Amino acid sequence: YLKDGDLVLDVGCFTQEARKYYPPWVKYLGIDQKAYHPETRVVDLNHGFEPIPCQAALCLETLEHLLDPKDTLLSILSSVQSGGYVVVSLPNEATVFHRIRSLLGTVDAECFSGEGKHLHLPSLRQSREFLGSIPGLSLLEEKHYISPTAVGSRCPWVLKVILLLVPIRIHQFLADKVPSLFSRGFIFLLRKHVQN
């Protein structure tokens, strides 16, 4: 989807982990609320931001942290050129694991944490509806991912026990067949409508 010299805008880039996956002929600009990486441009993302012209944009595991994620998504849309691509990933907060945890009395393990806190807890249906509510964006593809190492979990021992019982290929099969219950999150490829 990218040509020589295209700029990819990484919104909520954190440590710019995505940068290493791009070839050297692609330009990259990471923006985030803090400079987690020395080359990050610090921008308040909570209520949208001034458009930054680019050919494509990433917004990976970011919108769920923001006060007004729709404003930020609209800013991304304003930044991307006509016909450009946007990749958005959102976590699934309605997995079997999350539902069991809720039944045991802990809906959100870090409900009053400030750093890294999810303010929004989307399901697959809610994620699709949210992205579908943005005029000017079309959904091209949807993927479901798993977290076989339980990295980043506050209950890694529970997840590791569950994941040891379910082989990775079966877990991915379940995530693809019943994503609402088994996928750790969702990746959406979107395209900005071509302006005539």
N, C-alpha and C. Protein backbone atom coordinates (compact mmCIF):
# COMPACT_ATOMS: atom_id res chain seq x y z
N TYR A 1 0.80 -1.21 0.00
CA TYR A 1 0.00 0.00 0.00
C TYR A 1 0.84 1.27 0.00
N LEU A 2 2.15 1.14 0.20
CA LEU A 2 3.01 2.32 0.33
C LEU A 2 3.95 2.45 -0.86
N LYS A 3 4.26 3.71 -1.20
CA LYS A 3 5.20 4.00 -2.27
C LYS A 3 6.43 4.68 -1.69
N ASP A 4 7.46 4.78 -2.49
CA ASP A 4 8.72 5.40 -2.09
C ASP A 4 8.46 6.83 -1.60
N GLY A 5 8.91 7.13 -0.40
CA GLY A 5 8.78 8.47 0.16
C GLY A 5 7.48 8.74 0.89
N ASP A 6 6.56 7.77 0.93
CA ASP A 6 5.30 7.97 1.66
C ASP A 6 5.58 8.14 3.16
N LEU A 7 4.73 8.93 3.81
CA LEU A 7 4.85 9.14 5.25
C LEU A 7 3.77 8.34 5.97
N VAL A 8 4.21 7.55 6.94
CA VAL A 8 3.29 6.82 7.82
C VAL A 8 3.26 7.56 9.15
N LEU A 9 2.07 7.96 9.58
CA LEU A 9 1.87 8.63 10.86
C LEU A 9 1.45 7.57 11.88
N ASP A 10 2.23 7.41 12.94
CA ASP A 10 1.93 6.43 13.99
C ASP A 10 1.37 7.19 15.20
N VAL A 11 0.06 7.12 15.37
CA VAL A 11 -0.64 7.87 16.42
C VAL A 11 -0.71 7.01 17.68
N GLY A 12 -0.07 7.49 18.75
CA GLY A 12 0.05 6.69 19.97
C GLY A 12 1.17 5.68 19.83
N CYS A 13 2.31 6.15 19.32
CA CYS A 13 3.41 5.27 18.91
C CYS A 13 4.14 4.59 20.07
N PHE A 14 3.98 5.08 21.29
CA PHE A 14 4.66 4.54 22.47
C PHE A 14 6.17 4.51 22.23
N THR A 15 6.81 3.36 22.12
CA THR A 15 8.27 3.30 21.93
C THR A 15 8.66 3.15 20.47
N GLN A 16 7.73 3.45 19.57
CA GLN A 16 7.94 3.37 18.12
C GLN A 16 8.30 1.96 17.67
N GLU A 17 7.71 0.98 18.31
CA GLU A 17 7.95 -0.43 17.98
C GLU A 17 7.59 -0.75 16.52
N ALA A 18 6.55 -0.12 15.99
CA ALA A 18 6.11 -0.40 14.62
C ALA A 18 7.12 0.06 13.57
N ARG A 19 7.94 1.02 13.92
CA ARG A 19 8.88 1.60 12.95
C ARG A 19 9.79 0.56 12.31
N LYS A 20 10.20 -0.44 13.07
CA LYS A 20 11.16 -1.43 12.56
C LYS A 20 10.59 -2.30 11.44
N TYR A 21 9.28 -2.30 11.28
CA TYR A 21 8.66 -3.13 10.25
C TYR A 21 8.56 -2.44 8.89
N TYR A 22 8.97 -1.18 8.81
CA TYR A 22 8.89 -0.45 7.56
C TYR A 22 10.25 -0.41 6.86
N PRO A 23 10.24 -0.48 5.54
CA PRO A 23 11.50 -0.39 4.80
C PRO A 23 12.06 1.04 4.90
N PRO A 24 13.36 1.20 4.65
CA PRO A 24 13.99 2.53 4.83
C PRO A 24 13.45 3.60 3.90
N TRP A 25 12.83 3.23 2.79
CA TRP A 25 12.31 4.24 1.86
C TRP A 25 10.97 4.83 2.28
N VAL A 26 10.40 4.33 3.40
CA VAL A 26 9.15 4.89 3.93
C VAL A 26 9.49 5.85 5.06
N LYS A 27 8.91 7.04 5.03
CA LYS A 27 9.10 8.00 6.12
C LYS A 27 8.15 7.65 7.26
N TYR A 28 8.58 7.92 8.46
CA TYR A 28 7.81 7.54 9.65
C TYR A 28 7.80 8.70 10.63
N LEU A 29 6.62 8.99 11.19
CA LEU A 29 6.52 10.00 12.24
C LEU A 29 5.65 9.44 13.35
N GLY A 30 6.22 9.36 14.54
CA GLY A 30 5.48 8.88 15.70
C GLY A 30 5.06 10.03 16.59
N ILE A 31 3.76 10.03 16.97
CA ILE A 31 3.28 11.04 17.91
C ILE A 31 2.63 10.32 19.10
N ASP A 32 2.76 10.93 20.26
CA ASP A 32 2.15 10.35 21.47
C ASP A 32 2.05 11.42 22.53
N GLN A 33 1.40 11.07 23.64
CA GLN A 33 1.18 12.02 24.74
C GLN A 33 2.46 12.32 25.52
N LYS A 34 3.39 11.36 25.50
CA LYS A 34 4.69 11.53 26.16
C LYS A 34 5.77 11.04 25.21
N ALA A 35 7.00 11.47 25.45
CA ALA A 35 8.13 11.05 24.62
C ALA A 35 8.70 9.74 25.16
N TYR A 36 8.00 8.64 24.87
CA TYR A 36 8.50 7.32 25.27
C TYR A 36 9.70 6.92 24.43
N HIS A 37 9.88 7.59 23.31
CA HIS A 37 11.02 7.39 22.40
C HIS A 37 11.58 8.78 22.11
N PRO A 38 12.91 8.93 21.99
CA PRO A 38 13.47 10.28 21.82
C PRO A 38 13.00 11.02 20.56
N GLU A 39 12.55 10.30 19.53
CA GLU A 39 12.12 10.95 18.29
C GLU A 39 10.61 11.16 18.21
N THR A 40 9.91 10.88 19.28
CA THR A 40 8.46 11.04 19.29
C THR A 40 8.08 12.51 19.39
N ARG A 41 7.12 12.92 18.58
CA ARG A 41 6.57 14.28 18.69
C ARG A 41 5.46 14.21 19.73
N VAL A 42 5.56 15.02 20.77
CA VAL A 42 4.58 15.01 21.86
C VAL A 42 3.37 15.85 21.47
N VAL A 43 2.19 15.20 21.51
CA VAL A 43 0.93 15.82 21.11
C VAL A 43 -0.15 15.32 22.07
N ASP A 44 -1.03 16.20 22.52
CA ASP A 44 -2.17 15.76 23.34
C ASP A 44 -3.18 15.12 22.40
N LEU A 45 -3.41 13.83 22.56
CA LEU A 45 -4.29 13.08 21.68
C LEU A 45 -5.72 12.97 22.21
N ASN A 46 -5.98 13.42 23.42
CA ASN A 46 -7.26 13.19 24.07
C ASN A 46 -8.46 13.79 23.36
N HIS A 47 -8.27 14.91 22.68
CA HIS A 47 -9.39 15.60 22.03
C HIS A 47 -9.07 15.88 20.57
N GLY A 48 -8.40 14.95 19.92
CA GLY A 48 -7.99 15.17 18.54
C GLY A 48 -6.70 15.98 18.50
N PHE A 49 -6.21 16.25 17.29
CA PHE A 49 -4.97 17.00 17.12
C PHE A 49 -4.99 17.68 15.76
N GLU A 50 -4.11 18.65 15.58
CA GLU A 50 -4.01 19.34 14.30
C GLU A 50 -3.57 18.32 13.24
N PRO A 51 -4.23 18.28 12.09
CA PRO A 51 -3.88 17.30 11.06
C PRO A 51 -2.41 17.38 10.66
N ILE A 52 -1.84 16.21 10.42
CA ILE A 52 -0.45 16.07 9.96
C ILE A 52 -0.51 15.32 8.64
N PRO A 53 -0.31 15.99 7.50
CA PRO A 53 -0.47 15.33 6.20
C PRO A 53 0.40 14.07 6.08
N CYS A 54 -0.24 12.97 5.66
CA CYS A 54 0.46 11.69 5.52
C CYS A 54 -0.28 10.83 4.50
N GLN A 55 0.37 9.78 4.05
CA GLN A 55 -0.25 8.87 3.09
C GLN A 55 -0.97 7.72 3.80
N ALA A 56 -0.51 7.37 5.00
CA ALA A 56 -1.11 6.27 5.76
C ALA A 56 -0.91 6.54 7.25
N ALA A 57 -1.74 5.89 8.07
CA ALA A 57 -1.63 6.10 9.52
C ALA A 57 -1.87 4.79 10.26
N LEU A 58 -1.21 4.70 11.40
CA LEU A 58 -1.41 3.61 12.35
C LEU A 58 -2.00 4.19 13.62
N CYS A 59 -2.86 3.43 14.27
CA CYS A 59 -3.35 3.79 15.59
C CYS A 59 -3.56 2.47 16.33
N LEU A 60 -2.49 2.01 16.96
CA LEU A 60 -2.46 0.66 17.53
C LEU A 60 -2.60 0.72 19.05
N GLU A 61 -3.67 0.10 19.55
CA GLU A 61 -3.90 0.00 21.00
C GLU A 61 -3.80 1.38 21.66
N THR A 62 -4.46 2.37 21.07
CA THR A 62 -4.39 3.74 21.56
C THR A 62 -5.76 4.32 21.89
N LEU A 63 -6.74 4.14 21.01
CA LEU A 63 -8.03 4.81 21.16
C LEU A 63 -8.71 4.49 22.48
N GLU A 64 -8.50 3.29 23.01
CA GLU A 64 -9.15 2.90 24.27
C GLU A 64 -8.62 3.67 25.47
N HIS A 65 -7.50 4.39 25.31
CA HIS A 65 -6.89 5.16 26.40
C HIS A 65 -7.34 6.62 26.42
N LEU A 66 -8.01 7.08 25.36
CA LEU A 66 -8.26 8.51 25.18
C LEU A 66 -9.63 8.95 25.66
N LEU A 67 -9.71 10.20 26.11
CA LEU A 67 -10.98 10.75 26.58
C LEU A 67 -12.00 10.82 25.45
N ASP A 68 -11.58 11.30 24.29
CA ASP A 68 -12.47 11.44 23.13
C ASP A 68 -11.86 10.73 21.92
N PRO A 69 -11.96 9.39 21.87
CA PRO A 69 -11.32 8.66 20.78
C PRO A 69 -11.87 9.02 19.40
N LYS A 70 -13.14 9.40 19.33
CA LYS A 70 -13.71 9.75 18.02
C LYS A 70 -13.03 11.00 17.47
N ASP A 71 -12.76 11.99 18.33
CA ASP A 71 -12.06 13.19 17.88
C ASP A 71 -10.69 12.85 17.32
N THR A 72 -9.99 11.94 17.98
CA THR A 72 -8.67 11.53 17.51
C THR A 72 -8.76 10.79 16.18
N LEU A 73 -9.75 9.92 16.03
CA LEU A 73 -9.93 9.21 14.77
C LEU A 73 -10.28 10.18 13.64
N LEU A 74 -11.08 11.20 13.94
CA LEU A 74 -11.39 12.21 12.94
C LEU A 74 -10.14 13.01 12.55
N SER A 75 -9.25 13.26 13.51
CA SER A 75 -7.98 13.94 13.21
C SER A 75 -7.10 13.07 12.32
N ILE A 76 -7.11 11.76 12.57
CA ILE A 76 -6.35 10.84 11.71
C ILE A 76 -6.92 10.88 10.30
N LEU A 77 -8.23 10.85 10.20
CA LEU A 77 -8.89 10.90 8.89
C LEU A 77 -8.53 12.20 8.16
N SER A 78 -8.48 13.31 8.88
CA SER A 78 -8.11 14.60 8.27
C SER A 78 -6.65 14.62 7.84
N SER A 79 -5.82 13.82 8.49
CA SER A 79 -4.39 13.79 8.17
C SER A 79 -4.09 12.96 6.93
N VAL A 80 -4.82 11.86 6.76
CA VAL A 80 -4.53 10.92 5.67
C VAL A 80 -5.05 11.46 4.35
N GLN A 81 -4.24 11.30 3.31
CA GLN A 81 -4.63 11.78 1.99
C GLN A 81 -5.82 10.99 1.46
N SER A 82 -6.49 11.53 0.48
CA SER A 82 -7.61 10.87 -0.17
C SER A 82 -7.17 9.50 -0.70
N GLY A 83 -7.91 8.46 -0.36
CA GLY A 83 -7.57 7.11 -0.78
C GLY A 83 -6.51 6.44 0.07
N GLY A 84 -6.04 7.14 1.12
CA GLY A 84 -5.00 6.60 1.99
C GLY A 84 -5.54 5.55 2.96
N TYR A 85 -4.63 4.85 3.60
CA TYR A 85 -4.98 3.73 4.48
C TYR A 85 -4.74 4.05 5.95
N VAL A 86 -5.59 3.45 6.79
CA VAL A 86 -5.47 3.59 8.25
C VAL A 86 -5.59 2.19 8.85
N VAL A 87 -4.66 1.86 9.74
CA VAL A 87 -4.72 0.60 10.48
C VAL A 87 -5.00 0.94 11.94
N VAL A 88 -6.09 0.36 12.46
CA VAL A 88 -6.48 0.58 13.86
C VAL A 88 -6.54 -0.77 14.54
N SER A 89 -5.93 -0.86 15.73
CA SER A 89 -6.13 -2.07 16.53
C SER A 89 -6.76 -1.66 17.86
N LEU A 90 -7.67 -2.52 18.31
CA LEU A 90 -8.38 -2.30 19.57
C LEU A 90 -8.38 -3.60 20.36
N PRO A 91 -8.27 -3.52 21.69
CA PRO A 91 -8.29 -4.74 22.49
C PRO A 91 -9.71 -5.27 22.64
N ASN A 92 -9.82 -6.54 22.91
CA ASN A 92 -11.11 -7.16 23.21
C ASN A 92 -11.23 -7.30 24.72
N GLU A 93 -12.14 -6.59 25.32
CA GLU A 93 -12.33 -6.65 26.77
C GLU A 93 -13.52 -7.51 27.15
N ALA A 94 -13.93 -8.40 26.22
CA ALA A 94 -15.07 -9.28 26.49
C ALA A 94 -14.72 -10.75 26.25
N THR A 95 -13.43 -11.10 26.39
CA THR A 95 -13.01 -12.48 26.19
C THR A 95 -13.55 -13.37 27.31
N VAL A 96 -13.42 -14.68 27.11
CA VAL A 96 -13.81 -15.63 28.16
C VAL A 96 -13.06 -15.30 29.45
N PHE A 97 -11.77 -15.00 29.34
CA PHE A 97 -10.95 -14.67 30.51
C PHE A 97 -11.53 -13.46 31.25
N HIS A 98 -11.87 -12.39 30.51
CA HIS A 98 -12.42 -11.19 31.14
C HIS A 98 -13.78 -11.47 31.79
N ARG A 99 -14.57 -12.31 31.14
CA ARG A 99 -15.89 -12.64 31.69
C ARG A 99 -15.77 -13.45 32.97
N ILE A 100 -14.84 -14.40 32.99
CA ILE A 100 -14.62 -15.19 34.22
C ILE A 100 -14.12 -14.28 35.33
N ARG A 101 -13.18 -13.40 34.99
CA ARG A 101 -12.65 -12.47 35.99
C ARG A 101 -13.76 -11.60 36.56
N SER A 102 -14.70 -11.17 35.73
CA SER A 102 -15.84 -10.37 36.19
C SER A 102 -16.73 -11.17 37.14
N LEU A 103 -16.98 -12.42 36.80
CA LEU A 103 -17.79 -13.28 37.67
C LEU A 103 -17.14 -13.50 39.03
N LEU A 104 -15.81 -13.44 39.06
CA LEU A 104 -15.08 -13.62 40.31
C LEU A 104 -14.93 -12.31 41.09
N GLY A 105 -15.53 -11.23 40.57
CA GLY A 105 -15.57 -9.98 41.33
C GLY A 105 -14.61 -8.90 40.93
N THR A 106 -13.81 -9.12 39.86
CA THR A 106 -12.89 -8.09 39.40
C THR A 106 -13.17 -7.80 37.94
N VAL A 107 -13.97 -6.78 37.71
CA VAL A 107 -14.30 -6.41 36.33
C VAL A 107 -13.08 -5.83 35.64
N ASP A 108 -12.38 -4.94 36.32
CA ASP A 108 -11.21 -4.28 35.76
C ASP A 108 -10.16 -4.23 36.86
N ALA A 109 -9.07 -4.96 36.68
CA ALA A 109 -8.06 -5.10 37.73
C ALA A 109 -7.40 -3.78 38.11
N GLU A 110 -7.40 -2.81 37.22
CA GLU A 110 -6.72 -1.54 37.51
C GLU A 110 -7.66 -0.35 37.32
N CYS A 111 -8.85 -0.45 37.83
CA CYS A 111 -9.87 0.54 37.50
C CYS A 111 -9.52 1.98 37.92
N PHE A 112 -8.62 2.17 38.88
CA PHE A 112 -8.26 3.54 39.27
C PHE A 112 -6.81 3.88 38.95
N SER A 113 -6.18 3.07 38.11
CA SER A 113 -4.80 3.33 37.71
C SER A 113 -4.77 4.48 36.72
N GLY A 114 -3.74 5.30 36.79
CA GLY A 114 -3.62 6.42 35.86
C GLY A 114 -2.78 6.07 34.65
N GLU A 115 -1.64 5.45 34.85
CA GLU A 115 -0.71 5.16 33.77
C GLU A 115 -1.15 3.94 32.97
N GLY A 116 -1.35 4.11 31.68
CA GLY A 116 -1.68 3.00 30.80
C GLY A 116 -3.08 2.46 30.94
N LYS A 117 -3.98 3.20 31.54
CA LYS A 117 -5.33 2.72 31.84
C LYS A 117 -6.24 2.76 30.62
N HIS A 118 -7.03 1.70 30.45
CA HIS A 118 -8.07 1.71 29.41
C HIS A 118 -9.28 2.45 29.96
N LEU A 119 -9.68 3.50 29.28
CA LEU A 119 -10.88 4.24 29.67
C LEU A 119 -12.11 3.64 28.99
N HIS A 120 -11.89 2.93 27.90
CA HIS A 120 -12.97 2.30 27.14
C HIS A 120 -12.67 0.81 27.05
N LEU A 121 -13.68 -0.01 27.21
CA LEU A 121 -13.52 -1.45 27.23
C LEU A 121 -14.34 -2.07 26.09
N PRO A 122 -13.82 -2.00 24.85
CA PRO A 122 -14.64 -2.38 23.70
C PRO A 122 -14.76 -3.89 23.48
N SER A 123 -15.91 -4.27 22.93
CA SER A 123 -16.11 -5.61 22.42
C SER A 123 -15.95 -5.52 20.90
N LEU A 124 -16.01 -6.65 20.21
CA LEU A 124 -15.89 -6.63 18.75
C LEU A 124 -17.04 -5.83 18.13
N ARG A 125 -18.25 -6.06 18.59
CA ARG A 125 -19.41 -5.33 18.06
C ARG A 125 -19.23 -3.83 18.25
N GLN A 126 -18.81 -3.43 19.46
CA GLN A 126 -18.63 -2.01 19.74
C GLN A 126 -17.50 -1.42 18.89
N SER A 127 -16.44 -2.17 18.68
CA SER A 127 -15.33 -1.70 17.85
C SER A 127 -15.79 -1.48 16.42
N ARG A 128 -16.52 -2.45 15.88
CA ARG A 128 -17.04 -2.30 14.50
C ARG A 128 -17.97 -1.12 14.39
N GLU A 129 -18.88 -0.97 15.36
CA GLU A 129 -19.83 0.15 15.32
C GLU A 129 -19.11 1.49 15.42
N PHE A 130 -18.11 1.56 16.29
CA PHE A 130 -17.35 2.80 16.47
C PHE A 130 -16.66 3.19 15.17
N LEU A 131 -15.94 2.26 14.56
CA LEU A 131 -15.24 2.58 13.31
C LEU A 131 -16.22 2.85 12.18
N GLY A 132 -17.35 2.16 12.17
CA GLY A 132 -18.37 2.39 11.15
C GLY A 132 -19.08 3.72 11.29
N SER A 133 -18.97 4.35 12.46
CA SER A 133 -19.63 5.64 12.69
C SER A 133 -18.84 6.82 12.12
N ILE A 134 -17.66 6.55 11.61
CA ILE A 134 -16.81 7.62 11.08
C ILE A 134 -17.06 7.78 9.58
N PRO A 135 -17.73 8.86 9.17
CA PRO A 135 -17.98 9.06 7.74
C PRO A 135 -16.65 9.29 7.01
N GLY A 136 -16.55 8.69 5.84
CA GLY A 136 -15.33 8.88 5.05
C GLY A 136 -14.34 7.75 5.18
N LEU A 137 -14.63 6.74 6.01
CA LEU A 137 -13.76 5.58 6.17
C LEU A 137 -14.51 4.32 5.78
N SER A 138 -13.84 3.44 5.03
CA SER A 138 -14.42 2.15 4.68
C SER A 138 -13.56 1.04 5.27
N LEU A 139 -14.20 0.04 5.83
CA LEU A 139 -13.50 -1.12 6.38
C LEU A 139 -13.16 -2.07 5.24
N LEU A 140 -11.86 -2.36 5.06
CA LEU A 140 -11.41 -3.27 4.01
C LEU A 140 -11.15 -4.67 4.54
N GLU A 141 -10.60 -4.76 5.75
CA GLU A 141 -10.21 -6.06 6.29
C GLU A 141 -10.21 -6.03 7.81
N GLU A 142 -10.47 -7.18 8.40
CA GLU A 142 -10.48 -7.32 9.86
C GLU A 142 -9.73 -8.60 10.22
N LYS A 143 -8.82 -8.51 11.18
CA LYS A 143 -8.06 -9.66 11.67
C LYS A 143 -8.25 -9.76 13.18
N HIS A 144 -8.10 -10.96 13.70
CA HIS A 144 -8.24 -11.20 15.14
C HIS A 144 -6.92 -11.76 15.65
N TYR A 145 -6.39 -11.17 16.71
CA TYR A 145 -5.10 -11.65 17.22
C TYR A 145 -5.24 -12.23 18.61
N ILE A 146 -4.25 -13.04 18.97
CA ILE A 146 -4.19 -13.64 20.30
C ILE A 146 -2.91 -13.17 20.96
N SER A 147 -2.76 -13.43 22.25
CA SER A 147 -1.56 -13.09 22.99
C SER A 147 -1.02 -14.35 23.64
N PRO A 148 -0.28 -15.18 22.88
CA PRO A 148 0.13 -16.48 23.40
C PRO A 148 1.12 -16.42 24.56
N THR A 149 1.74 -15.27 24.79
CA THR A 149 2.70 -15.18 25.90
C THR A 149 2.11 -14.50 27.13
N ALA A 150 0.90 -13.95 27.01
CA ALA A 150 0.25 -13.22 28.10
C ALA A 150 1.06 -11.99 28.52
N VAL A 151 1.88 -11.48 27.61
CA VAL A 151 2.69 -10.31 27.92
C VAL A 151 1.78 -9.11 28.21
N GLY A 152 2.12 -8.36 29.23
CA GLY A 152 1.35 -7.18 29.60
C GLY A 152 0.17 -7.46 30.50
N SER A 153 -0.11 -8.72 30.77
CA SER A 153 -1.25 -9.06 31.62
C SER A 153 -0.90 -8.84 33.09
N ARG A 154 -1.90 -8.42 33.87
CA ARG A 154 -1.70 -8.26 35.31
C ARG A 154 -1.94 -9.59 36.04
N CYS A 155 -2.43 -10.57 35.31
CA CYS A 155 -2.65 -11.91 35.87
C CYS A 155 -1.95 -12.93 34.97
N PRO A 156 -0.63 -12.78 34.72
CA PRO A 156 0.03 -13.64 33.74
C PRO A 156 0.00 -15.12 34.09
N TRP A 157 0.03 -15.44 35.37
CA TRP A 157 0.05 -16.86 35.74
C TRP A 157 -1.26 -17.54 35.36
N VAL A 158 -2.38 -16.84 35.50
CA VAL A 158 -3.68 -17.42 35.12
C VAL A 158 -3.72 -17.64 33.62
N LEU A 159 -3.31 -16.62 32.88
CA LEU A 159 -3.33 -16.74 31.43
C LEU A 159 -2.37 -17.81 30.95
N LYS A 160 -1.20 -17.90 31.56
CA LYS A 160 -0.23 -18.91 31.12
C LYS A 160 -0.76 -20.31 31.36
N VAL A 161 -1.47 -20.53 32.47
CA VAL A 161 -2.07 -21.84 32.73
C VAL A 161 -3.10 -22.15 31.65
N ILE A 162 -3.97 -21.19 31.37
CA ILE A 162 -5.00 -21.39 30.34
C ILE A 162 -4.36 -21.62 28.98
N LEU A 163 -3.33 -20.81 28.67
CA LEU A 163 -2.69 -20.92 27.37
C LEU A 163 -1.90 -22.21 27.22
N LEU A 164 -1.40 -22.77 28.33
CA LEU A 164 -0.73 -24.07 28.26
C LEU A 164 -1.72 -25.18 27.94
N LEU A 165 -2.96 -25.01 28.37
CA LEU A 165 -3.98 -26.02 28.12
C LEU A 165 -4.52 -25.96 26.69
N VAL A 166 -4.39 -24.80 26.06
CA VAL A 166 -4.91 -24.62 24.71
C VAL A 166 -3.74 -24.28 23.78
N PRO A 167 -3.33 -25.20 22.89
CA PRO A 167 -2.23 -24.90 21.96
C PRO A 167 -2.51 -23.65 21.13
N ILE A 168 -1.44 -22.97 20.73
CA ILE A 168 -1.56 -21.69 20.01
C ILE A 168 -2.42 -21.82 18.76
N ARG A 169 -2.21 -22.86 17.97
CA ARG A 169 -2.97 -22.97 16.71
C ARG A 169 -4.47 -23.15 16.98
N ILE A 170 -4.81 -23.85 18.08
CA ILE A 170 -6.23 -24.01 18.44
C ILE A 170 -6.78 -22.69 18.97
N HIS A 171 -5.97 -21.99 19.76
CA HIS A 171 -6.38 -20.68 20.27
C HIS A 171 -6.65 -19.73 19.11
N GLN A 172 -5.76 -19.70 18.11
CA GLN A 172 -5.96 -18.81 16.96
C GLN A 172 -7.19 -19.24 16.16
N PHE A 173 -7.41 -20.55 16.01
CA PHE A 173 -8.60 -21.06 15.32
C PHE A 173 -9.86 -20.56 16.03
N LEU A 174 -9.88 -20.70 17.36
CA LEU A 174 -11.03 -20.23 18.14
C LEU A 174 -11.21 -18.72 18.01
N ALA A 175 -10.09 -17.98 18.02
CA ALA A 175 -10.15 -16.52 17.89
C ALA A 175 -10.72 -16.11 16.53
N ASP A 176 -10.41 -16.88 15.49
CA ASP A 176 -10.93 -16.56 14.16
C ASP A 176 -12.40 -16.96 14.02
N LYS A 177 -12.80 -18.05 14.68
CA LYS A 177 -14.17 -18.54 14.57
C LYS A 177 -15.14 -17.82 15.51
N VAL A 178 -14.68 -17.55 16.74
CA VAL A 178 -15.52 -16.86 17.73
C VAL A 178 -14.69 -15.73 18.36
N PRO A 179 -14.40 -14.69 17.57
CA PRO A 179 -13.49 -13.64 18.04
C PRO A 179 -13.95 -12.93 19.29
N SER A 180 -15.24 -12.76 19.48
CA SER A 180 -15.72 -12.06 20.67
C SER A 180 -15.30 -12.74 21.96
N LEU A 181 -15.16 -14.05 21.93
CA LEU A 181 -14.83 -14.80 23.15
C LEU A 181 -13.35 -15.13 23.27
N PHE A 182 -12.63 -15.28 22.15
CA PHE A 182 -11.28 -15.82 22.22
C PHE A 182 -10.18 -14.93 21.67
N SER A 183 -10.52 -13.89 20.93
CA SER A 183 -9.50 -13.01 20.38
C SER A 183 -9.10 -11.98 21.42
N ARG A 184 -7.81 -11.74 21.56
CA ARG A 184 -7.34 -10.72 22.51
C ARG A 184 -7.59 -9.32 21.98
N GLY A 185 -7.69 -9.22 20.66
CA GLY A 185 -7.95 -7.91 20.08
C GLY A 185 -8.21 -8.01 18.60
N PHE A 186 -8.43 -6.84 17.99
CA PHE A 186 -8.86 -6.78 16.59
C PHE A 186 -8.02 -5.76 15.85
N ILE A 187 -7.69 -6.09 14.61
CA ILE A 187 -6.93 -5.18 13.74
C ILE A 187 -7.80 -4.89 12.52
N PHE A 188 -7.99 -3.61 12.25
CA PHE A 188 -8.86 -3.18 11.16
C PHE A 188 -8.04 -2.40 10.14
N LEU A 189 -8.16 -2.78 8.87
CA LEU A 189 -7.59 -2.01 7.77
C LEU A 189 -8.72 -1.19 7.17
N LEU A 190 -8.53 0.13 7.19
CA LEU A 190 -9.55 1.05 6.69
C LEU A 190 -8.96 1.90 5.57
N ARG A 191 -9.83 2.41 4.74
CA ARG A 191 -9.37 3.30 3.67
C ARG A 191 -10.22 4.56 3.65
N LYS A 192 -9.54 5.69 3.51
CA LYS A 192 -10.25 6.97 3.39
C LYS A 192 -10.87 7.05 2.01
N HIS A 193 -12.12 7.49 1.95
CA HIS A 193 -12.79 7.62 0.67
C HIS A 193 -12.03 8.56 -0.25
N VAL A 194 -12.02 8.22 -1.51
CA VAL A 194 -11.36 9.06 -2.51
C VAL A 194 -12.21 10.29 -2.75
N GLN A 195 -11.58 11.46 -2.62
CA GLN A 195 -12.29 12.72 -2.84
C GLN A 195 -12.27 13.07 -4.33
N ASN A 196 -13.42 13.37 -4.89
CA ASN A 196 -13.50 13.74 -6.32
C ASN A 196 -13.19 15.21 -6.52
